[in-house]
Amino acid sequence: AVDLLASSLHGMLTSGAYPWFHLDIKDSDINRDDDVREWLQDTSMRMIQAFNQSNFETEIHEMYVDLVVFGTGCMFCEMSNGDLRFSTRHISEYYVTEDRFGVVNAVYRMYEASASQAIERFGEKNVSEHIRKTFEKNPDDMVELLHIVLPNEDRDSTKIDNKNMPYSSVYICKKTGMIMLEGGFNEMPYVVPRFL
C-alpha cells in the first residue's frame, strides 16, 4: 500500500513522462509579452531536462515513501560538476525548525560518511585531525558529520559571495566541532514536505 501510494504521488505530481511545472511571472502584464513567455517556456523545458538527466526520479520516489510512512520527507539538492544531484535523507538523520508561519527554515542533519568520502568532499587540508587519522588507519571507517542550513541573518546583501547568501551552510566534524566547509544557498536546498 505504501509503495502504491508513493508511486501514485510520483506519477500525479512529478512524473518524468510529462512537464510537471512551468515558470510564470507574478506581474500579468509582463507575463503577456511574447518574448517573456518564450523565454519562460524555454527555461522551463531546460529545467525539466536537467531534472530528467539527474537522479531525481529515484530520489523523489524515496521521498514520497518517507512522506507516506513518516508524514515527513527530506531531499537535499546540490550541484555536482555542473549537474543536479539529489539525495533523500532518512528521518533519523535530520531535525527541522520552522518559522512563525510553519515553513521549514532550518535543517540540522547528522550523518555518517567514510573517512575517504569526507576527504574526497572537503579536501584533506579542510578535515579535522580525527578524520585524517581515521583515514590513515582505515579509509572505510565511518565518521560523524553535521550539516546545518539556516537563514543567514548576518549576511551583507551588497556582497554576492556564497557566505552572504540568504541561507548559511556549514559542515562540521561532530567529534571535534571543527568547521570544515562554510558556504551558502540562495534558497533552502532541503525540500521538506510534510503531511499535517
N, C-alpha and C. Protein backbone atom coordinates (compact mmCIF):
# COMPACT_ATOMS: atom_id res chain seq x y z
N ALA A 1 0.83 -1.20 0.00
CA ALA A 1 0.00 0.00 0.00
C ALA A 1 0.87 1.26 0.00
N VAL A 2 1.97 1.23 0.78
CA VAL A 2 2.88 2.38 0.84
C VAL A 2 3.47 2.64 -0.54
N ASP A 3 3.96 1.58 -1.18
CA ASP A 3 4.59 1.75 -2.49
C ASP A 3 3.58 2.22 -3.53
N LEU A 4 2.35 1.71 -3.44
CA LEU A 4 1.32 2.13 -4.38
C LEU A 4 0.99 3.61 -4.22
N LEU A 5 0.84 4.07 -2.97
CA LEU A 5 0.55 5.49 -2.75
C LEU A 5 1.74 6.37 -3.16
N ALA A 6 2.95 5.94 -2.81
CA ALA A 6 4.14 6.72 -3.20
C ALA A 6 4.25 6.80 -4.72
N SER A 7 4.00 5.70 -5.40
CA SER A 7 4.05 5.70 -6.87
C SER A 7 2.97 6.59 -7.46
N SER A 8 1.79 6.57 -6.84
CA SER A 8 0.69 7.42 -7.32
C SER A 8 1.04 8.90 -7.16
N LEU A 9 1.60 9.27 -6.01
CA LEU A 9 2.01 10.66 -5.79
C LEU A 9 3.06 11.07 -6.82
N HIS A 10 4.01 10.18 -7.03
CA HIS A 10 5.07 10.47 -8.01
C HIS A 10 4.48 10.65 -9.40
N GLY A 11 3.59 9.75 -9.79
CA GLY A 11 3.00 9.82 -11.12
C GLY A 11 2.13 11.05 -11.32
N MET A 12 1.40 11.45 -10.27
CA MET A 12 0.48 12.59 -10.40
C MET A 12 1.18 13.94 -10.25
N LEU A 13 2.24 13.99 -9.43
CA LEU A 13 2.84 15.28 -9.10
C LEU A 13 4.15 15.58 -9.83
N THR A 14 5.00 14.57 -10.03
CA THR A 14 6.35 14.85 -10.55
C THR A 14 6.78 13.81 -11.58
N SER A 15 5.89 13.36 -12.40
CA SER A 15 6.24 12.34 -13.39
C SER A 15 7.22 12.88 -14.42
N GLY A 16 8.24 12.09 -14.71
CA GLY A 16 9.20 12.47 -15.74
C GLY A 16 8.66 12.30 -17.14
N ALA A 17 7.45 11.72 -17.27
CA ALA A 17 6.87 11.45 -18.59
C ALA A 17 6.28 12.71 -19.23
N TYR A 18 6.00 13.72 -18.43
CA TYR A 18 5.43 14.95 -18.97
C TYR A 18 5.88 16.13 -18.11
N PRO A 19 5.86 17.34 -18.68
CA PRO A 19 6.26 18.52 -17.89
C PRO A 19 5.32 18.71 -16.70
N TRP A 20 5.87 18.75 -15.51
CA TRP A 20 5.04 18.85 -14.30
C TRP A 20 5.10 20.23 -13.64
N PHE A 21 5.76 21.17 -14.29
CA PHE A 21 5.73 22.55 -13.82
C PHE A 21 6.05 23.47 -14.99
N HIS A 22 5.73 24.74 -14.84
CA HIS A 22 6.16 25.76 -15.79
C HIS A 22 6.37 27.05 -15.02
N LEU A 23 7.21 27.89 -15.57
CA LEU A 23 7.54 29.15 -14.92
C LEU A 23 6.58 30.25 -15.35
N ASP A 24 6.30 31.14 -14.42
CA ASP A 24 5.45 32.30 -14.65
C ASP A 24 6.05 33.48 -13.90
N ILE A 25 5.60 34.66 -14.25
CA ILE A 25 5.98 35.87 -13.54
C ILE A 25 4.71 36.43 -12.89
N LYS A 26 4.84 36.93 -11.67
CA LYS A 26 3.67 37.41 -10.93
C LYS A 26 2.95 38.54 -11.65
N ASP A 27 3.70 39.42 -12.29
CA ASP A 27 3.10 40.56 -12.99
C ASP A 27 2.45 40.06 -14.29
N SER A 28 1.13 40.09 -14.35
CA SER A 28 0.41 39.55 -15.51
C SER A 28 0.68 40.34 -16.79
N ASP A 29 0.98 41.63 -16.68
CA ASP A 29 1.29 42.41 -17.89
C ASP A 29 2.59 41.93 -18.53
N ILE A 30 3.59 41.70 -17.71
CA ILE A 30 4.87 41.19 -18.23
C ILE A 30 4.68 39.78 -18.77
N ASN A 31 3.85 39.00 -18.10
CA ASN A 31 3.60 37.61 -18.50
C ASN A 31 3.00 37.52 -19.90
N ARG A 32 2.30 38.54 -20.33
CA ARG A 32 1.64 38.52 -21.65
C ARG A 32 2.62 38.80 -22.80
N ASP A 33 3.78 39.34 -22.49
CA ASP A 33 4.77 39.65 -23.52
C ASP A 33 5.26 38.36 -24.18
N ASP A 34 5.23 38.33 -25.51
CA ASP A 34 5.61 37.11 -26.26
C ASP A 34 7.05 36.69 -25.99
N ASP A 35 7.97 37.65 -25.95
CA ASP A 35 9.37 37.31 -25.70
C ASP A 35 9.55 36.72 -24.29
N VAL A 36 8.86 37.29 -23.34
CA VAL A 36 8.94 36.79 -21.96
C VAL A 36 8.36 35.38 -21.88
N ARG A 37 7.21 35.16 -22.49
CA ARG A 37 6.59 33.82 -22.48
C ARG A 37 7.49 32.79 -23.15
N GLU A 38 8.12 33.18 -24.25
CA GLU A 38 9.03 32.26 -24.94
C GLU A 38 10.23 31.92 -24.07
N TRP A 39 10.79 32.94 -23.40
CA TRP A 39 11.92 32.69 -22.51
C TRP A 39 11.52 31.78 -21.35
N LEU A 40 10.36 32.04 -20.74
CA LEU A 40 9.89 31.23 -19.62
C LEU A 40 9.66 29.78 -20.05
N GLN A 41 9.08 29.59 -21.24
CA GLN A 41 8.83 28.23 -21.72
C GLN A 41 10.15 27.51 -21.98
N ASP A 42 11.10 28.19 -22.63
CA ASP A 42 12.40 27.59 -22.91
C ASP A 42 13.13 27.23 -21.61
N THR A 43 13.09 28.13 -20.64
CA THR A 43 13.75 27.89 -19.36
C THR A 43 13.09 26.73 -18.61
N SER A 44 11.77 26.67 -18.65
CA SER A 44 11.05 25.55 -18.02
C SER A 44 11.49 24.22 -18.62
N MET A 45 11.58 24.17 -19.94
CA MET A 45 11.98 22.92 -20.62
C MET A 45 13.42 22.56 -20.28
N ARG A 46 14.29 23.55 -20.18
CA ARG A 46 15.69 23.28 -19.80
C ARG A 46 15.76 22.72 -18.37
N MET A 47 14.93 23.27 -17.48
CA MET A 47 14.91 22.78 -16.10
C MET A 47 14.40 21.34 -16.04
N ILE A 48 13.35 21.05 -16.79
CA ILE A 48 12.81 19.68 -16.82
C ILE A 48 13.86 18.72 -17.38
N GLN A 49 14.58 19.15 -18.41
CA GLN A 49 15.64 18.32 -18.97
C GLN A 49 16.73 18.05 -17.93
N ALA A 50 17.08 19.07 -17.14
CA ALA A 50 18.09 18.89 -16.09
C ALA A 50 17.60 17.90 -15.04
N PHE A 51 16.32 17.99 -14.66
CA PHE A 51 15.75 17.01 -13.72
C PHE A 51 15.83 15.61 -14.30
N ASN A 52 15.44 15.47 -15.57
CA ASN A 52 15.42 14.15 -16.21
C ASN A 52 16.81 13.55 -16.39
N GLN A 53 17.84 14.39 -16.49
CA GLN A 53 19.20 13.89 -16.64
C GLN A 53 19.89 13.64 -15.30
N SER A 54 19.20 13.91 -14.22
CA SER A 54 19.76 13.70 -12.88
C SER A 54 19.19 12.42 -12.27
N ASN A 55 19.45 12.22 -11.00
CA ASN A 55 18.90 11.08 -10.28
C ASN A 55 17.58 11.43 -9.57
N PHE A 56 16.90 12.46 -10.04
CA PHE A 56 15.69 12.95 -9.40
C PHE A 56 14.60 11.88 -9.30
N GLU A 57 14.37 11.12 -10.37
CA GLU A 57 13.28 10.13 -10.38
C GLU A 57 13.41 9.14 -9.24
N THR A 58 14.59 8.62 -9.03
CA THR A 58 14.81 7.65 -7.96
C THR A 58 14.63 8.29 -6.59
N GLU A 59 15.23 9.45 -6.40
CA GLU A 59 15.22 10.08 -5.09
C GLU A 59 13.85 10.64 -4.71
N ILE A 60 13.10 11.14 -5.68
CA ILE A 60 11.78 11.67 -5.35
C ILE A 60 10.85 10.55 -4.93
N HIS A 61 10.99 9.38 -5.56
CA HIS A 61 10.16 8.24 -5.14
C HIS A 61 10.47 7.86 -3.69
N GLU A 62 11.76 7.84 -3.34
CA GLU A 62 12.14 7.53 -1.96
C GLU A 62 11.55 8.56 -0.99
N MET A 63 11.54 9.84 -1.41
CA MET A 63 10.97 10.86 -0.54
C MET A 63 9.47 10.67 -0.36
N TYR A 64 8.78 10.27 -1.43
CA TYR A 64 7.34 10.00 -1.30
C TYR A 64 7.08 8.83 -0.36
N VAL A 65 7.93 7.81 -0.39
CA VAL A 65 7.79 6.69 0.55
C VAL A 65 7.91 7.20 1.98
N ASP A 66 8.94 8.01 2.26
CA ASP A 66 9.11 8.58 3.60
C ASP A 66 7.92 9.45 3.98
N LEU A 67 7.43 10.21 3.05
CA LEU A 67 6.30 11.09 3.31
C LEU A 67 5.06 10.29 3.69
N VAL A 68 4.83 9.18 2.99
CA VAL A 68 3.67 8.34 3.27
C VAL A 68 3.82 7.64 4.62
N VAL A 69 5.01 7.12 4.91
CA VAL A 69 5.23 6.35 6.13
C VAL A 69 5.36 7.24 7.36
N PHE A 70 6.20 8.28 7.28
CA PHE A 70 6.51 9.10 8.45
C PHE A 70 5.74 10.42 8.50
N GLY A 71 5.15 10.83 7.38
CA GLY A 71 4.46 12.11 7.34
C GLY A 71 5.41 13.26 7.02
N THR A 72 6.70 12.97 6.89
CA THR A 72 7.72 13.97 6.57
C THR A 72 8.74 13.33 5.65
N GLY A 73 9.17 14.07 4.66
CA GLY A 73 10.23 13.62 3.77
C GLY A 73 11.28 14.71 3.68
N CYS A 74 12.49 14.33 3.30
CA CYS A 74 13.55 15.33 3.19
C CYS A 74 14.49 14.95 2.06
N MET A 75 14.63 15.86 1.10
CA MET A 75 15.52 15.63 -0.02
C MET A 75 16.45 16.82 -0.17
N PHE A 76 17.74 16.54 -0.35
CA PHE A 76 18.76 17.57 -0.50
C PHE A 76 19.11 17.70 -1.97
N CYS A 77 19.23 18.92 -2.46
CA CYS A 77 19.58 19.18 -3.85
C CYS A 77 20.84 20.04 -3.90
N GLU A 78 21.83 19.59 -4.69
CA GLU A 78 23.05 20.36 -4.85
C GLU A 78 23.58 20.17 -6.26
N MET A 79 24.54 20.98 -6.62
CA MET A 79 25.21 20.85 -7.91
C MET A 79 26.48 20.04 -7.71
N SER A 80 26.74 19.14 -8.67
CA SER A 80 27.96 18.36 -8.65
C SER A 80 28.51 18.31 -10.07
N ASN A 81 29.65 18.95 -10.28
CA ASN A 81 30.26 19.03 -11.62
C ASN A 81 29.29 19.56 -12.67
N GLY A 82 28.49 20.55 -12.30
CA GLY A 82 27.56 21.18 -13.23
C GLY A 82 26.24 20.45 -13.40
N ASP A 83 26.05 19.34 -12.69
CA ASP A 83 24.80 18.58 -12.78
C ASP A 83 24.05 18.65 -11.46
N LEU A 84 22.72 18.53 -11.54
CA LEU A 84 21.92 18.45 -10.34
C LEU A 84 22.12 17.09 -9.69
N ARG A 85 22.21 17.08 -8.37
CA ARG A 85 22.36 15.83 -7.62
C ARG A 85 21.40 15.88 -6.45
N PHE A 86 20.54 14.88 -6.35
CA PHE A 86 19.54 14.81 -5.29
C PHE A 86 19.87 13.66 -4.35
N SER A 87 19.54 13.82 -3.08
CA SER A 87 19.67 12.72 -2.12
C SER A 87 18.56 12.83 -1.09
N THR A 88 17.78 11.77 -0.98
CA THR A 88 16.72 11.71 0.03
C THR A 88 17.34 11.24 1.33
N ARG A 89 17.05 11.95 2.39
CA ARG A 89 17.65 11.67 3.69
C ARG A 89 16.65 10.94 4.58
N HIS A 90 17.14 9.99 5.37
CA HIS A 90 16.28 9.25 6.29
C HIS A 90 15.86 10.15 7.44
N ILE A 91 14.67 9.92 7.95
CA ILE A 91 14.12 10.78 9.01
C ILE A 91 14.99 10.77 10.27
N SER A 92 15.77 9.71 10.48
CA SER A 92 16.63 9.65 11.67
C SER A 92 17.83 10.58 11.58
N GLU A 93 18.12 11.12 10.39
CA GLU A 93 19.30 11.96 10.19
C GLU A 93 19.08 13.44 10.45
N TYR A 94 17.85 13.90 10.39
CA TYR A 94 17.67 15.35 10.38
C TYR A 94 16.66 15.84 11.41
N TYR A 95 16.81 17.10 11.74
CA TYR A 95 15.91 17.82 12.63
C TYR A 95 15.59 19.14 11.93
N VAL A 96 14.34 19.54 11.92
CA VAL A 96 13.97 20.78 11.25
C VAL A 96 13.36 21.76 12.23
N THR A 97 13.51 23.04 11.93
CA THR A 97 12.81 24.09 12.68
C THR A 97 11.96 24.87 11.69
N GLU A 98 10.95 25.53 12.22
CA GLU A 98 10.01 26.26 11.39
C GLU A 98 9.99 27.73 11.76
N ASP A 99 9.60 28.56 10.80
CA ASP A 99 9.38 29.97 11.11
C ASP A 99 7.97 30.14 11.70
N ARG A 100 7.57 31.34 11.94
CA ARG A 100 6.28 31.59 12.58
C ARG A 100 5.08 31.18 11.74
N PHE A 101 5.31 30.95 10.42
CA PHE A 101 4.22 30.53 9.54
C PHE A 101 4.19 29.01 9.36
N GLY A 102 5.07 28.30 10.05
CA GLY A 102 5.11 26.85 9.94
C GLY A 102 5.90 26.35 8.74
N VAL A 103 6.69 27.22 8.13
CA VAL A 103 7.52 26.83 6.98
C VAL A 103 8.90 26.44 7.50
N VAL A 104 9.42 25.30 7.04
CA VAL A 104 10.74 24.85 7.46
C VAL A 104 11.78 25.88 7.02
N ASN A 105 12.54 26.39 8.00
CA ASN A 105 13.55 27.40 7.66
C ASN A 105 14.97 27.00 8.06
N ALA A 106 15.10 25.87 8.75
CA ALA A 106 16.44 25.39 9.11
C ALA A 106 16.43 23.87 9.17
N VAL A 107 17.53 23.27 8.71
CA VAL A 107 17.69 21.82 8.76
C VAL A 107 19.03 21.52 9.41
N TYR A 108 19.00 20.65 10.42
CA TYR A 108 20.20 20.17 11.10
C TYR A 108 20.28 18.67 10.78
N ARG A 109 21.34 18.29 10.10
CA ARG A 109 21.45 16.90 9.67
C ARG A 109 22.75 16.29 10.18
N MET A 110 22.63 15.20 10.97
CA MET A 110 23.79 14.47 11.41
C MET A 110 23.84 13.16 10.65
N TYR A 111 24.98 12.87 10.03
CA TYR A 111 25.08 11.66 9.22
C TYR A 111 26.49 11.10 9.28
N GLU A 112 26.62 9.87 8.82
CA GLU A 112 27.91 9.22 8.77
C GLU A 112 28.39 9.13 7.34
N ALA A 113 29.70 9.24 7.18
CA ALA A 113 30.35 9.05 5.89
C ALA A 113 31.69 8.38 6.17
N SER A 114 32.21 7.67 5.20
CA SER A 114 33.53 7.08 5.40
C SER A 114 34.56 8.21 5.42
N ALA A 115 35.68 7.93 6.07
CA ALA A 115 36.75 8.95 6.14
C ALA A 115 37.21 9.34 4.74
N SER A 116 37.26 8.36 3.83
CA SER A 116 37.69 8.68 2.45
C SER A 116 36.66 9.56 1.75
N GLN A 117 35.37 9.34 2.01
CA GLN A 117 34.34 10.20 1.42
C GLN A 117 34.45 11.62 1.95
N ALA A 118 34.72 11.75 3.26
CA ALA A 118 34.87 13.08 3.85
C ALA A 118 36.05 13.82 3.24
N ILE A 119 37.16 13.13 3.05
CA ILE A 119 38.34 13.76 2.46
C ILE A 119 38.08 14.10 0.99
N GLU A 120 37.38 13.22 0.29
CA GLU A 120 37.05 13.50 -1.11
C GLU A 120 36.17 14.73 -1.23
N ARG A 121 35.22 14.87 -0.30
CA ARG A 121 34.29 16.00 -0.37
C ARG A 121 34.92 17.32 0.07
N PHE A 122 35.66 17.30 1.19
CA PHE A 122 36.12 18.56 1.79
C PHE A 122 37.61 18.85 1.53
N GLY A 123 38.37 17.86 1.11
CA GLY A 123 39.81 18.04 0.91
C GLY A 123 40.56 17.70 2.19
N GLU A 124 41.72 17.09 2.04
CA GLU A 124 42.48 16.63 3.21
C GLU A 124 42.87 17.77 4.14
N LYS A 125 43.15 18.94 3.58
CA LYS A 125 43.56 20.08 4.41
C LYS A 125 42.39 20.66 5.21
N ASN A 126 41.16 20.39 4.78
CA ASN A 126 40.00 21.01 5.42
C ASN A 126 39.31 20.14 6.45
N VAL A 127 39.69 18.87 6.55
CA VAL A 127 39.04 17.98 7.52
C VAL A 127 39.79 18.02 8.85
N SER A 128 39.15 17.54 9.89
CA SER A 128 39.76 17.54 11.22
C SER A 128 40.86 16.48 11.31
N GLU A 129 41.69 16.63 12.33
CA GLU A 129 42.75 15.66 12.59
C GLU A 129 42.15 14.28 12.84
N HIS A 130 41.02 14.24 13.50
CA HIS A 130 40.32 12.97 13.76
C HIS A 130 40.00 12.25 12.45
N ILE A 131 39.49 12.97 11.47
CA ILE A 131 39.15 12.35 10.18
C ILE A 131 40.41 11.92 9.44
N ARG A 132 41.47 12.73 9.50
CA ARG A 132 42.74 12.35 8.84
C ARG A 132 43.31 11.07 9.44
N LYS A 133 43.31 10.99 10.78
CA LYS A 133 43.84 9.79 11.44
C LYS A 133 42.99 8.57 11.13
N THR A 134 41.68 8.75 11.11
CA THR A 134 40.79 7.65 10.75
C THR A 134 41.07 7.19 9.34
N PHE A 135 41.29 8.12 8.44
CA PHE A 135 41.59 7.80 7.05
C PHE A 135 42.90 7.01 6.93
N GLU A 136 43.91 7.41 7.71
CA GLU A 136 45.20 6.73 7.65
C GLU A 136 45.10 5.29 8.16
N LYS A 137 44.30 5.08 9.24
CA LYS A 137 44.15 3.74 9.80
C LYS A 137 43.30 2.86 8.90
N ASN A 138 42.13 3.34 8.54
CA ASN A 138 41.22 2.58 7.67
C ASN A 138 40.29 3.57 6.96
N PRO A 139 40.52 3.82 5.68
CA PRO A 139 39.74 4.82 4.94
C PRO A 139 38.24 4.54 4.91
N ASP A 140 37.85 3.27 5.14
CA ASP A 140 36.42 2.92 5.08
C ASP A 140 35.71 3.08 6.42
N ASP A 141 36.44 3.39 7.49
CA ASP A 141 35.79 3.62 8.79
C ASP A 141 34.92 4.87 8.70
N MET A 142 33.81 4.83 9.43
CA MET A 142 32.84 5.92 9.37
C MET A 142 33.17 7.03 10.37
N VAL A 143 32.87 8.26 9.96
CA VAL A 143 32.99 9.43 10.83
C VAL A 143 31.65 10.15 10.82
N GLU A 144 31.38 10.85 11.92
CA GLU A 144 30.10 11.57 12.02
C GLU A 144 30.27 13.02 11.60
N LEU A 145 29.36 13.47 10.74
CA LEU A 145 29.38 14.84 10.24
C LEU A 145 28.06 15.51 10.55
N LEU A 146 28.10 16.82 10.64
CA LEU A 146 26.90 17.61 10.88
C LEU A 146 26.81 18.65 9.77
N HIS A 147 25.62 18.73 9.14
CA HIS A 147 25.38 19.75 8.13
C HIS A 147 24.23 20.62 8.62
N ILE A 148 24.48 21.91 8.71
CA ILE A 148 23.47 22.85 9.20
C ILE A 148 23.18 23.86 8.10
N VAL A 149 21.90 24.02 7.77
CA VAL A 149 21.47 25.05 6.83
C VAL A 149 20.40 25.88 7.53
N LEU A 150 20.62 27.17 7.64
CA LEU A 150 19.67 28.05 8.32
C LEU A 150 19.74 29.45 7.74
N PRO A 151 18.72 30.27 8.01
CA PRO A 151 18.73 31.63 7.48
C PRO A 151 19.99 32.38 7.92
N ASN A 152 20.60 33.10 7.00
CA ASN A 152 21.82 33.85 7.25
C ASN A 152 21.45 35.26 7.67
N GLU A 153 21.29 35.44 8.97
CA GLU A 153 20.84 36.73 9.49
C GLU A 153 21.94 37.78 9.51
N ASP A 154 23.20 37.35 9.42
CA ASP A 154 24.33 38.29 9.48
C ASP A 154 24.89 38.62 8.10
N ARG A 155 24.18 38.27 7.06
CA ARG A 155 24.73 38.45 5.71
C ARG A 155 24.76 39.92 5.29
N ASP A 156 25.68 40.23 4.42
CA ASP A 156 25.78 41.54 3.80
C ASP A 156 25.19 41.41 2.40
N SER A 157 23.97 41.89 2.21
CA SER A 157 23.26 41.69 0.95
C SER A 157 23.89 42.46 -0.22
N THR A 158 24.86 43.32 0.06
CA THR A 158 25.54 44.02 -1.03
C THR A 158 26.65 43.17 -1.65
N LYS A 159 27.00 42.06 -0.98
CA LYS A 159 28.02 41.15 -1.49
C LYS A 159 27.35 39.96 -2.16
N ILE A 160 28.03 39.38 -3.16
CA ILE A 160 27.44 38.28 -3.92
C ILE A 160 28.14 36.95 -3.64
N ASP A 161 29.06 36.89 -2.68
CA ASP A 161 29.77 35.64 -2.42
C ASP A 161 28.88 34.64 -1.68
N ASN A 162 29.35 33.38 -1.62
CA ASN A 162 28.49 32.33 -1.06
C ASN A 162 28.34 32.42 0.46
N LYS A 163 29.13 33.23 1.12
CA LYS A 163 28.96 33.40 2.57
C LYS A 163 27.94 34.48 2.91
N ASN A 164 27.46 35.19 1.90
CA ASN A 164 26.46 36.24 2.12
C ASN A 164 25.15 35.95 1.41
N MET A 165 24.88 34.68 1.21
CA MET A 165 23.61 34.27 0.60
C MET A 165 22.53 34.20 1.67
N PRO A 166 21.27 34.13 1.26
CA PRO A 166 20.18 34.11 2.24
C PRO A 166 20.23 32.94 3.24
N TYR A 167 20.81 31.80 2.83
CA TYR A 167 20.93 30.65 3.73
C TYR A 167 22.39 30.27 3.93
N SER A 168 22.79 30.11 5.18
CA SER A 168 24.14 29.64 5.50
C SER A 168 24.17 28.13 5.47
N SER A 169 25.31 27.60 5.06
CA SER A 169 25.53 26.16 5.04
C SER A 169 26.87 25.88 5.71
N VAL A 170 26.85 25.03 6.74
CA VAL A 170 28.07 24.73 7.49
C VAL A 170 28.19 23.22 7.68
N TYR A 171 29.36 22.67 7.33
CA TYR A 171 29.67 21.26 7.59
C TYR A 171 30.67 21.20 8.74
N ILE A 172 30.37 20.36 9.72
CA ILE A 172 31.17 20.28 10.94
C ILE A 172 31.53 18.83 11.23
N CYS A 173 32.76 18.59 11.69
CA CYS A 173 33.14 17.28 12.21
C CYS A 173 32.52 17.18 13.60
N LYS A 174 31.63 16.22 13.80
CA LYS A 174 30.89 16.15 15.07
C LYS A 174 31.82 15.88 16.25
N LYS A 175 32.80 15.03 16.08
CA LYS A 175 33.68 14.67 17.20
C LYS A 175 34.51 15.84 17.69
N THR A 176 35.02 16.66 16.77
CA THR A 176 35.92 17.75 17.18
C THR A 176 35.26 19.12 17.17
N GLY A 177 34.12 19.25 16.49
CA GLY A 177 33.48 20.56 16.38
C GLY A 177 34.12 21.46 15.34
N MET A 178 35.07 20.92 14.57
CA MET A 178 35.76 21.73 13.57
C MET A 178 34.87 22.01 12.38
N ILE A 179 34.81 23.28 11.96
CA ILE A 179 34.09 23.65 10.75
C ILE A 179 34.97 23.31 9.55
N MET A 180 34.44 22.46 8.66
CA MET A 180 35.22 22.01 7.51
C MET A 180 34.86 22.74 6.23
N LEU A 181 33.63 23.25 6.16
CA LEU A 181 33.21 23.97 4.96
C LEU A 181 32.08 24.92 5.33
N GLU A 182 32.23 26.17 4.93
CA GLU A 182 31.18 27.17 5.10
C GLU A 182 30.78 27.69 3.74
N GLY A 183 29.51 27.87 3.54
CA GLY A 183 29.03 28.39 2.27
C GLY A 183 27.62 28.91 2.43
N GLY A 184 26.89 28.89 1.32
CA GLY A 184 25.53 29.38 1.39
C GLY A 184 24.73 29.00 0.18
N PHE A 185 23.43 29.26 0.26
CA PHE A 185 22.49 28.96 -0.81
C PHE A 185 21.53 30.14 -0.96
N ASN A 186 21.06 30.35 -2.18
CA ASN A 186 20.04 31.38 -2.41
C ASN A 186 18.68 30.94 -1.89
N GLU A 187 18.46 29.62 -1.90
CA GLU A 187 17.20 29.05 -1.41
C GLU A 187 17.53 27.88 -0.51
N MET A 188 16.56 27.45 0.31
CA MET A 188 16.75 26.28 1.14
C MET A 188 17.01 25.06 0.25
N PRO A 189 18.18 24.40 0.37
CA PRO A 189 18.50 23.28 -0.52
C PRO A 189 17.82 21.98 -0.12
N TYR A 190 17.23 21.96 1.07
CA TYR A 190 16.48 20.78 1.51
C TYR A 190 15.00 21.01 1.21
N VAL A 191 14.38 20.04 0.55
CA VAL A 191 12.94 20.07 0.35
C VAL A 191 12.35 19.19 1.43
N VAL A 192 11.46 19.77 2.26
CA VAL A 192 10.91 19.03 3.40
C VAL A 192 9.38 19.13 3.40
N PRO A 193 8.73 18.30 2.54
CA PRO A 193 7.26 18.31 2.56
C PRO A 193 6.75 17.48 3.73
N ARG A 194 5.58 17.85 4.23
CA ARG A 194 5.00 17.15 5.38
C ARG A 194 3.51 17.02 5.23
N PHE A 195 2.97 15.92 5.71
CA PHE A 195 1.52 15.77 5.87
C PHE A 195 1.19 16.31 7.23
N LEU A 196 0.30 17.27 7.32
CA LEU A 196 -0.06 17.84 8.63
C LEU A 196 -1.40 17.33 9.08
